[in-house]
């Protein structure tokens, strides 16, 4: 899925995402997303396990990288 948006702070936003609700046949949700704006980029990958330790309890593992350009300085997070 792709999307376009506009925000007053970020200005134009372009995003791409992919979601698989039955990742490797184990009912795990796999999500990957990339977002690009005038002020920076965001990348994210996550896997959600619907049953943790045999109980219906959501468990999510997530990794992301965020790079932003603010007025007057740069900041990067990971």
Protein backbone atom coordinates (compact mmCIF):
# COMPACT_ATOMS: atom_id res chain seq x y z
CA UNK A 1 0.00 0.00 0.00
CA UNK A 2 1.21 3.48 -0.73
CA UNK A 3 -0.09 6.75 0.62
CA UNK A 4 0.35 10.47 0.17
CA UNK A 5 -0.49 13.11 2.76
CA UNK A 6 0.30 16.65 3.76
CA UNK A 7 1.00 17.99 7.24
CA UNK A 8 1.76 21.57 8.20
CA UNK A 9 4.99 20.59 9.99
CA UNK A 10 6.28 17.70 7.84
CA UNK A 11 4.80 19.07 4.61
CA UNK A 12 4.38 16.40 1.87
CA UNK A 13 4.44 12.82 3.19
CA UNK A 14 4.96 9.76 1.00
CA UNK A 15 4.66 6.32 2.56
CA UNK A 16 4.92 2.69 1.55
CA UNK A 17 3.82 -0.25 3.71
CA UNK A 18 3.34 -4.00 3.46
CA UNK A 19 1.44 -6.23 5.91
CA UNK A 20 1.17 -10.03 5.95
CA UNK A 21 -1.42 -11.36 8.43
CA UNK A 22 -0.28 -15.00 8.18
CA UNK A 23 3.51 -14.67 8.15
CA UNK A 24 5.19 -18.03 7.43
CA UNK A 25 1.88 -19.77 8.12
CA UNK A 26 1.95 -19.12 11.89
CA UNK A 27 -0.75 -16.39 12.15
CA UNK A 28 1.90 -13.83 12.99
CA UNK A 29 1.43 -10.32 11.62
CA UNK A 30 4.46 -9.00 9.73
CA UNK A 31 4.62 -5.30 8.90
CA UNK A 32 7.23 -3.22 7.10
CA UNK A 33 6.86 0.52 6.46
CA UNK A 34 8.83 3.41 5.03
CA UNK A 35 7.85 7.05 5.22
CA UNK A 36 9.53 10.00 3.54
CA UNK A 37 8.88 13.68 4.30
CA UNK A 38 10.61 16.97 3.69
CA UNK A 39 11.94 16.81 7.25
CA UNK A 40 13.22 13.21 7.29
CA UNK A 41 12.61 9.50 6.90
CA UNK A 42 11.20 6.63 8.97
CA UNK A 43 11.74 2.90 8.49
CA UNK A 44 10.00 0.25 10.60
CA UNK A 45 9.76 -3.56 10.72
CA UNK A 46 7.57 -5.43 13.22
CA UNK A 47 6.29 -8.94 13.93
CA UNK A 48 3.28 -9.46 16.20
CA UNK A 49 2.68 -12.82 17.87
CA UNK A 50 -1.04 -13.26 18.77
CA UNK A 51 -0.37 -16.02 21.33
CA UNK A 52 2.48 -15.53 23.80
CA UNK A 53 3.38 -18.50 26.03
CA UNK A 54 0.26 -20.36 24.86
CA UNK A 55 -2.11 -17.62 26.01
CA UNK A 56 -4.07 -15.15 23.81
CA UNK A 57 -1.68 -12.31 24.64
CA UNK A 58 -0.15 -10.06 21.98
CA UNK A 59 3.64 -9.84 21.87
CA UNK A 60 5.28 -7.47 19.40
CA UNK A 61 8.90 -7.17 18.30
CA UNK A 62 9.68 -3.91 16.53
CA UNK A 63 12.77 -2.26 15.04
CA UNK A 64 12.77 1.22 13.58
CA UNK A 65 15.07 4.00 12.42
CA UNK A 66 14.11 7.66 12.39
CA UNK A 67 16.06 10.52 10.88
CA UNK A 68 14.76 14.09 11.24
CA UNK A 69 15.94 17.51 10.16
CA UNK A 70 14.78 20.26 12.48
CA UNK A 71 15.22 23.99 12.06
CA UNK A 72 18.88 24.73 12.74
CA UNK A 73 20.16 21.21 13.63
CA UNK A 74 20.00 17.51 12.68
CA UNK A 75 18.95 14.58 14.87
CA UNK A 76 19.06 10.82 14.23
CA UNK A 77 17.56 8.06 16.38
CA UNK A 78 17.72 4.28 16.12
